[in-house]
Protein backbone atom coordinates (compact mmCIF):
# COMPACT_ATOMS: atom_id res chain seq x y z
CA UNK A 1 94.82 69.55 126.43
CA UNK A 2 96.24 69.61 129.96
CA UNK A 3 98.86 66.96 130.75
CA UNK A 4 100.27 66.51 134.26
CA UNK A 5 103.68 64.82 134.20
CA UNK A 6 105.00 65.89 137.60
CA UNK A 7 103.92 62.93 139.73
CA UNK A 8 107.37 62.57 141.27
CA UNK A 9 106.80 65.94 142.95
CA UNK A 10 103.16 65.23 143.90
CA UNK A 11 100.78 62.69 142.44
CA UNK A 12 97.74 64.14 140.68
CA UNK A 13 94.88 63.68 140.28
CA UNK A 14 94.08 62.03 143.57
CA UNK A 15 91.74 59.05 143.58
CA UNK A 16 88.11 60.09 143.95
CA UNK A 17 87.86 58.22 147.26
CA UNK A 18 90.67 60.33 148.72
CA UNK A 19 88.83 63.56 147.94
CA UNK A 20 85.56 62.12 149.26
CA UNK A 21 87.13 60.96 152.53
CA UNK A 22 88.63 64.39 153.18
CA UNK A 23 85.29 66.07 152.48
CA UNK A 24 83.49 63.64 154.75
CA UNK A 25 85.88 64.34 157.62
CA UNK A 26 85.55 68.10 157.29
CA UNK A 27 81.77 67.98 156.93
CA UNK A 28 80.76 65.20 159.32
CA UNK A 29 83.24 64.55 162.13
CA UNK A 30 86.10 67.07 162.01
CA UNK A 31 87.12 66.85 165.67
CA UNK A 32 90.52 66.25 167.32
CA UNK A 33 91.40 62.58 167.89
CA UNK A 34 92.40 61.58 171.39
CA UNK A 35 91.50 64.97 172.86
CA UNK A 36 87.86 64.39 173.80
CA UNK A 37 85.49 61.54 174.53
CA UNK A 38 82.53 62.54 172.38
CA UNK A 39 81.39 60.66 169.28
CA UNK A 40 83.10 62.88 166.70
CA UNK A 41 86.46 62.76 168.47
CA UNK A 42 86.20 58.99 168.83
CA UNK A 43 85.48 58.58 165.12
CA UNK A 44 88.45 60.78 164.23
CA UNK A 45 90.66 58.72 166.54
CA UNK A 46 89.42 55.53 164.89
CA UNK A 47 90.40 56.87 161.45
CA UNK A 48 93.93 57.71 162.64
CA UNK A 49 94.26 54.27 164.23
CA UNK A 50 93.07 52.55 161.06
CA UNK A 51 95.50 54.57 158.93
CA UNK A 52 98.35 53.51 161.20
CA UNK A 53 97.29 49.87 160.95
CA UNK A 54 97.04 50.01 157.15
CA UNK A 55 100.53 51.48 156.82
CA UNK A 56 101.88 48.82 159.17
CA UNK A 57 100.28 46.22 156.93
CA UNK A 58 101.60 47.81 153.73
CA UNK A 59 105.20 47.90 154.99
CA UNK A 60 105.04 44.79 157.23
CA UNK A 61 105.97 46.79 160.32
CA UNK A 62 106.68 44.90 163.52
CA UNK A 63 104.10 46.97 165.38
CA UNK A 64 101.71 49.73 164.33
CA UNK A 65 102.60 51.69 167.48
CA UNK A 66 105.90 52.57 165.83
CA UNK A 67 104.29 53.91 162.68
CA UNK A 68 104.74 57.61 163.33
CA UNK A 69 102.89 60.41 161.53
CA UNK A 70 104.65 63.65 160.62
CA UNK A 71 104.09 66.58 158.28
CA UNK A 72 106.30 65.14 155.51
CA UNK A 73 109.32 62.94 154.83
CA UNK A 74 111.77 65.78 155.53
CA UNK A 75 110.35 66.26 159.01
CA UNK A 76 110.45 62.49 159.56
CA UNK A 77 114.10 62.16 158.46
CA UNK A 78 115.13 65.08 160.68
CA UNK A 79 113.34 63.44 163.60
CA UNK A 80 115.27 60.20 163.04
CA UNK A 81 118.72 61.73 162.57
CA UNK A 82 118.49 64.29 165.35
CA UNK A 83 116.80 61.86 167.71
CA UNK A 84 119.48 59.18 167.32
CA UNK A 85 122.86 60.64 166.36
CA UNK A 86 125.25 61.64 169.13
CA UNK A 87 128.68 63.24 169.33
CA UNK A 88 131.28 61.11 167.54
CA UNK A 89 128.86 59.10 165.35
CA UNK A 90 129.63 58.33 161.72
CA UNK A 91 127.01 58.29 158.94
CA UNK A 92 127.20 56.89 155.41
CA UNK A 93 124.99 58.09 152.53
CA UNK A 94 125.07 57.86 148.73
CA UNK A 95 125.57 60.50 146.05
CA UNK A 96 121.93 60.13 144.96
CA UNK A 97 120.40 61.47 148.16
CA UNK A 98 117.78 64.21 148.37
CA UNK A 99 118.42 67.41 150.34
CA UNK A 100 116.03 66.10 153.01
CA UNK A 101 118.86 63.72 153.90
CA UNK A 102 121.92 65.78 152.93
CA UNK A 103 121.05 69.02 154.71
CA UNK A 104 120.31 67.76 158.24
CA UNK A 105 123.48 65.67 158.10
CA UNK A 106 125.58 68.58 156.86
CA UNK A 107 124.11 70.62 159.70
CA UNK A 108 125.11 68.01 162.29
CA UNK A 109 128.52 67.75 160.65
CA UNK A 110 128.98 71.54 160.83
CA UNK A 111 128.35 71.40 164.58
CA UNK A 112 131.06 68.77 164.96
CA UNK A 113 128.55 66.14 166.08
CA UNK A 114 128.97 63.59 163.27
CA UNK A 115 131.40 62.47 160.58
CA UNK A 116 129.90 61.95 157.12
CA UNK A 117 130.93 59.68 154.24
CA UNK A 118 129.29 59.95 150.81
CA UNK A 119 129.53 56.93 148.49
CA UNK A 120 129.85 57.70 144.75
CA UNK A 121 127.37 56.22 142.28
CA UNK A 122 127.76 55.64 138.55
CA UNK A 123 126.00 57.70 135.86
CA UNK A 124 122.97 55.42 136.16
CA UNK A 125 122.74 56.18 139.88
CA UNK A 126 123.92 52.74 140.99
CA UNK A 127 125.90 52.44 144.20
CA UNK A 128 129.26 50.69 144.46
CA UNK A 129 128.61 48.02 147.09
CA UNK A 130 132.30 47.18 147.54
CA UNK A 131 133.07 50.82 148.26
CA UNK A 132 130.15 50.96 150.68
CA UNK A 133 131.54 47.97 152.58
CA UNK A 134 134.95 49.63 152.83
CA UNK A 135 133.50 52.79 154.39
CA UNK A 136 132.21 51.24 157.60
CA UNK A 137 134.03 52.36 160.74
CA UNK A 138 133.81 51.32 164.39
CA UNK A 139 131.73 54.45 165.05
CA UNK A 140 129.37 54.06 162.08
CA UNK A 141 125.89 54.58 163.51
CA UNK A 142 123.59 54.97 160.49
CA UNK A 143 123.64 54.14 156.81
CA UNK A 144 120.96 56.12 154.97
CA UNK A 145 120.02 55.68 151.32
CA UNK A 146 117.24 56.78 149.08
CA UNK A 147 115.17 53.84 147.81
CA UNK A 148 114.43 55.28 144.37
CA UNK A 149 116.03 58.29 142.69
CA UNK A 150 113.78 61.29 142.15
CA UNK A 151 115.94 62.31 139.16
CA UNK A 152 116.33 59.17 137.03
CA UNK A 153 114.31 56.48 138.82
CA UNK A 154 117.20 54.17 139.77
CA UNK A 155 116.26 51.76 142.56
CA UNK A 156 118.80 51.04 145.29
CA UNK A 157 119.44 47.41 146.37
CA UNK A 158 117.96 48.06 149.81
CA UNK A 159 117.68 44.40 150.83
CA UNK A 160 121.38 43.89 150.15
CA UNK A 161 122.33 47.07 151.97
CA UNK A 162 120.00 46.17 154.85
CA UNK A 163 121.62 42.75 155.25
CA UNK A 164 125.07 44.37 155.24
CA UNK A 165 124.05 46.87 157.92
CA UNK A 166 122.51 44.16 160.06
CA UNK A 167 125.73 42.11 159.91
CA UNK A 168 127.66 45.18 161.10
CA UNK A 169 125.19 46.20 163.80
CA UNK A 170 124.49 49.50 162.06
CA UNK A 171 121.09 51.21 161.73
CA UNK A 172 119.74 51.32 158.18
CA UNK A 173 117.42 54.20 157.24
CA UNK A 174 115.62 54.12 153.90
CA UNK A 175 114.17 57.27 152.33
CA UNK A 176 111.09 55.86 150.56
CA UNK A 177 109.60 59.18 149.49
CA UNK A 178 109.47 58.03 145.85
CA UNK A 179 108.71 54.36 146.39
CA UNK A 180 106.29 54.03 149.31
CA UNK A 181 103.06 52.74 147.80
CA UNK A 182 104.72 51.94 144.47
CA UNK A 183 107.39 49.31 145.07
CA UNK A 184 106.79 46.51 147.59
CA UNK A 185 108.56 47.30 150.86
CA UNK A 186 108.94 44.79 153.68
CA UNK A 187 110.87 46.43 156.50
CA UNK A 188 111.44 43.13 158.28
CA UNK A 189 112.51 41.01 155.30
CA UNK A 190 114.70 43.82 153.91
CA UNK A 191 116.30 44.61 157.30
CA UNK A 192 115.15 48.24 157.29
CA UNK A 193 115.43 49.72 160.77
CA UNK A 194 113.82 53.05 159.90
CA UNK A 195 111.65 53.81 156.88
CA UNK A 196 110.70 57.39 156.07
CA UNK A 197 107.75 58.03 153.76
CA UNK A 198 105.66 60.86 152.41
CA UNK A 199 101.93 60.69 151.76
CA UNK A 200 101.48 62.95 148.75
CA UNK A 201 103.35 60.95 146.11
CA UNK A 202 102.80 57.24 145.43
CA UNK A 203 100.55 56.81 148.48
CA UNK A 204 98.01 59.15 146.78
CA UNK A 205 97.34 61.13 149.95
CA UNK A 206 97.35 64.91 150.39
CA UNK A 207 100.41 67.05 151.05
CA UNK A 208 101.34 67.63 154.68
CA UNK A 209 101.43 63.91 155.47
CA UNK A 210 104.31 61.51 155.99
CA UNK A 211 106.11 59.67 158.71
CA UNK A 212 108.39 56.93 159.95
CA UNK A 213 108.18 53.18 160.37
CA UNK A 214 110.54 52.23 163.18
CA UNK A 215 111.84 48.83 164.21
CA UNK A 216 111.02 47.59 167.71
CA UNK A 217 114.66 47.77 168.79
CA UNK A 218 115.18 51.38 167.62
CA UNK A 219 114.82 54.27 170.05
CA UNK A 220 114.47 57.87 168.89
CA UNK A 221 114.55 60.80 171.30
CA UNK A 222 111.67 63.26 171.21
CA UNK A 223 112.49 66.55 169.52
CA UNK A 224 109.15 68.21 170.23
CA UNK A 225 107.34 68.05 173.56
CA UNK A 226 103.81 69.09 174.37
CA UNK A 227 100.22 67.96 174.22
CA UNK A 228 99.59 64.36 173.30
CA UNK A 229 96.12 63.54 174.58
CA UNK A 230 97.71 61.01 176.94
CA UNK A 231 99.23 61.23 180.43
CA UNK A 232 97.85 64.76 180.78
CA UNK A 233 98.53 64.68 184.51
CA UNK A 234 102.29 64.57 183.84
CA UNK A 235 104.43 67.62 183.15
CA UNK A 236 106.87 65.53 181.11
CA UNK A 237 106.25 64.18 177.63
CA UNK A 238 105.18 60.52 177.24
CA UNK A 239 108.00 58.05 176.54
CA UNK A 240 105.86 55.48 174.72
CA UNK A 241 105.07 55.25 171.00
CA UNK A 242 103.48 56.74 168.97
CA UNK A 243 102.87 59.60 171.44
CA UNK A 244 106.61 60.02 172.10
CA UNK A 245 107.16 61.35 168.56
CA UNK A 246 103.72 62.85 167.85
CA UNK A 247 103.40 65.93 170.06
CA UNK A 248 100.56 68.28 169.22
CA UNK A 249 97.29 67.91 167.35
CA UNK A 250 97.76 65.61 164.36
CA UNK A 251 96.89 66.48 160.76
CA UNK A 252 93.73 64.40 160.98
CA UNK A 253 92.24 65.64 157.71
CA UNK A 254 95.49 64.73 155.94
CA UNK A 255 95.74 61.34 157.63
CA UNK A 256 92.13 60.67 156.61
CA UNK A 257 93.07 61.27 152.97
CA UNK A 258 96.24 59.20 153.38
CA UNK A 259 94.22 56.29 154.72
CA UNK A 260 91.99 56.44 151.65
CA UNK A 261 95.08 56.55 149.44
CA UNK A 262 96.47 53.37 151.00
CA UNK A 263 93.07 51.70 150.62
CA UNK A 264 93.09 52.69 146.94
CA UNK A 265 96.46 50.96 146.52
CA UNK A 266 95.35 47.82 148.32
CA UNK A 267 92.05 47.66 146.41
CA UNK A 268 93.62 48.23 142.99
CA UNK A 269 96.56 45.96 143.71
CA UNK A 270 100.02 47.45 143.97
CA UNK A 271 101.27 45.29 141.10
CA UNK A 272 98.58 46.70 138.77
CA UNK A 273 99.51 50.29 139.59
CA UNK A 274 103.17 49.54 138.96
CA UNK A 275 102.48 47.71 135.69
CA UNK A 276 100.51 50.59 134.20
CA UNK A 277 102.98 53.30 135.26
CA UNK A 278 106.00 51.37 134.01
CA UNK A 279 104.34 50.54 130.68
CA UNK A 280 103.51 54.21 130.15
CA UNK A 281 107.07 55.20 131.09
CA UNK A 282 108.68 52.71 128.67
CA UNK A 283 106.33 53.90 125.92
CA UNK A 284 107.35 57.49 126.69
CA UNK A 285 111.04 56.54 126.76
CA UNK A 286 110.77 55.03 123.27
CA UNK A 287 109.26 58.26 121.94
CA UNK A 288 111.85 60.51 123.56
CA UNK A 289 114.77 58.32 122.47
CA UNK A 290 113.94 59.02 118.83
CA UNK A 291 114.45 62.78 119.24
CA UNK A 292 118.07 63.54 118.32
CA UNK A 293 118.20 66.85 120.17
CA UNK A 294 117.48 65.15 123.51
CA UNK A 295 119.78 63.24 125.83
CA UNK A 296 117.92 60.82 128.11
CA UNK A 297 119.74 60.24 131.39
CA UNK A 298 119.73 57.23 133.68
CA UNK A 299 119.04 53.51 133.38
CA UNK A 300 116.37 53.89 130.69
CA UNK A 301 114.11 50.89 130.11
CA UNK A 302 115.53 48.61 132.79
CA UNK A 303 112.79 46.63 134.46
CA UNK A 304 113.29 47.78 138.03
CA UNK A 305 113.08 51.56 137.67
CA UNK A 306 110.61 54.20 138.77
CA UNK A 307 108.40 56.12 136.30
CA UNK A 308 110.85 59.00 135.99
CA UNK A 309 112.62 60.27 132.86
CA UNK A 310 115.14 63.11 132.93
CA UNK A 311 116.36 64.74 129.72
CA UNK A 312 118.57 67.58 128.60
CA UNK A 313 118.42 69.37 125.27
CA UNK A 314 121.11 70.77 123.00
CA UNK A 315 118.67 73.57 122.13
CA UNK A 316 117.20 74.88 125.41
CA UNK A 317 118.13 74.88 129.10
CA UNK A 318 115.73 72.79 131.22
CA UNK A 319 113.85 75.69 132.81
CA UNK A 320 113.11 77.40 129.49
CA UNK A 321 112.03 74.09 127.94
CA UNK A 322 109.66 73.39 130.83
CA UNK A 323 108.18 76.87 130.55
CA UNK A 324 107.46 76.43 126.85
CA UNK A 325 105.81 73.05 127.37
CA UNK A 326 103.59 74.58 130.03
CA UNK A 327 102.67 77.87 128.38
CA UNK A 328 102.30 76.61 124.81
CA UNK A 329 100.96 73.08 125.29
CA UNK A 330 99.65 72.78 128.87
CA UNK A 331 102.22 70.09 129.74
CA UNK A 332 103.40 70.27 133.35
CA UNK A 333 106.86 68.99 134.25
CA UNK A 334 109.72 69.95 136.55
CA UNK A 335 113.07 71.43 135.63
CA UNK A 336 116.24 72.07 137.61
CA UNK A 337 118.06 70.17 140.34
CA UNK A 338 115.02 68.62 142.07
CA UNK A 339 116.63 69.17 145.51
CA UNK A 340 119.30 66.61 144.61
CA UNK A 341 122.52 68.49 143.79
CA UNK A 342 124.81 65.54 144.47
CA UNK A 343 122.77 63.35 142.12
CA UNK A 344 123.13 65.88 139.32
CA UNK A 345 126.86 66.12 139.93
CA UNK A 346 126.95 62.34 139.52
CA UNK A 347 125.03 62.57 136.23
CA UNK A 348 127.09 65.51 134.96
CA UNK A 349 124.00 67.73 134.77
CA UNK A 350 124.97 70.18 137.52
CA UNK A 351 124.26 73.12 137.86
CA UNK A 352 121.40 73.49 135.34
CA UNK A 353 119.85 70.14 136.13
CA UNK A 354 117.44 68.35 133.83
CA UNK A 355 113.90 68.46 132.50
CA UNK A 356 112.02 65.72 134.34
CA UNK A 357 108.92 63.88 133.19
CA UNK A 358 107.19 61.67 135.74
CA UNK A 359 104.07 59.85 134.50
CA UNK A 360 101.60 58.37 136.93
CA UNK A 361 98.80 55.85 137.13
CA UNK A 362 96.24 58.23 135.62
CA UNK A 363 98.26 59.18 132.53
CA UNK A 364 97.36 57.72 129.13
CA UNK A 365 99.26 56.85 125.95
CA UNK A 366 97.35 59.61 124.19
CA UNK A 367 98.84 62.14 126.61
CA UNK A 368 102.31 60.72 126.04
CA UNK A 369 101.89 60.95 122.24
CA UNK A 370 100.74 64.55 122.62
CA UNK A 371 103.78 65.36 124.77
CA UNK A 372 106.28 63.78 122.37
CA UNK A 373 104.76 65.71 119.47
CA UNK A 374 104.84 68.94 121.48
CA UNK A 375 108.53 68.45 122.19
CA UNK A 376 109.23 67.88 118.49
CA UNK A 377 107.27 71.03 117.54
CA UNK A 378 109.20 73.14 120.02
CA UNK A 379 112.55 71.86 118.80
CA UNK A 380 111.68 72.15 115.10
CA UNK A 381 110.31 75.68 115.53
CA UNK A 382 113.48 76.78 117.23
């Protein structure tokens, strides 16, 4: 049996319609959108436009023009930080952030451009709101938090944080890499000024897709300048959205697959996808909790958590455990720090990290039973 339990890294398998849409684009109309006026280019442009509209609908964006496509969430977050932050600005983040947030901010800090505050979280990854409130300064420009932890699945109170930021006149950026397409996100109701997302996880699209959803009042400077398919007579880059932040030929084949992924979510019903994944995760949690040699980290079976379970073993380090599950039983997981060193320091699992299981919509209880039994066999044998 082959069991894929690494959906937090990349969801797999992709819905059949996603694969079909990508094949159709490559076979039937694989031209560049916005670069030509012939039928194939126009159809490609229509697909990109429709994908932008669907994402605006999914996240309740103020305008689809400020739904920006990028190569991934990391690229999108860098675009936001480096296109907004100026000398003397102050940024607040939490201890559960991914390196896609930590590293660009540490870089700007090392150049003397920004000051950075990092708010501690408890061992379940929950932020101290009172401490967050106390960290605001007159020069605080951005508060940036992950929406859902990629280590233990804890969900941040983004609506509460968004309201706090709005009352202080501070930009709120939410890293929704793990939650976009899974948890309901309403950027207007939750006072999210900038939402970053990736396409290859819970949006069921291919890798190489992601982007930003930007509030009408937010301005981000262009980091890359070049061809846009618009204002070709000008030697300066367009200053209107989305062209302002989308220089160069877009990843149309990826966006085509992303569009199909969003349609899959809307057709299935987001609540149905969530229900199945959370039921599978709770079932898995019950099985793992009965194994004495394992320590399960995080909030466990709380209702509002992502389908992510991280464990450590008294018998094997995470990387060796993952290798045995893969080579002996065909069970695919992830081990290590998951690009979140601060989160693991919070959990007390640094520097080895954890063994992470992340079920998805296409996993079954039979696969979970097989995995639990495989873990028991490995531990008993050794």
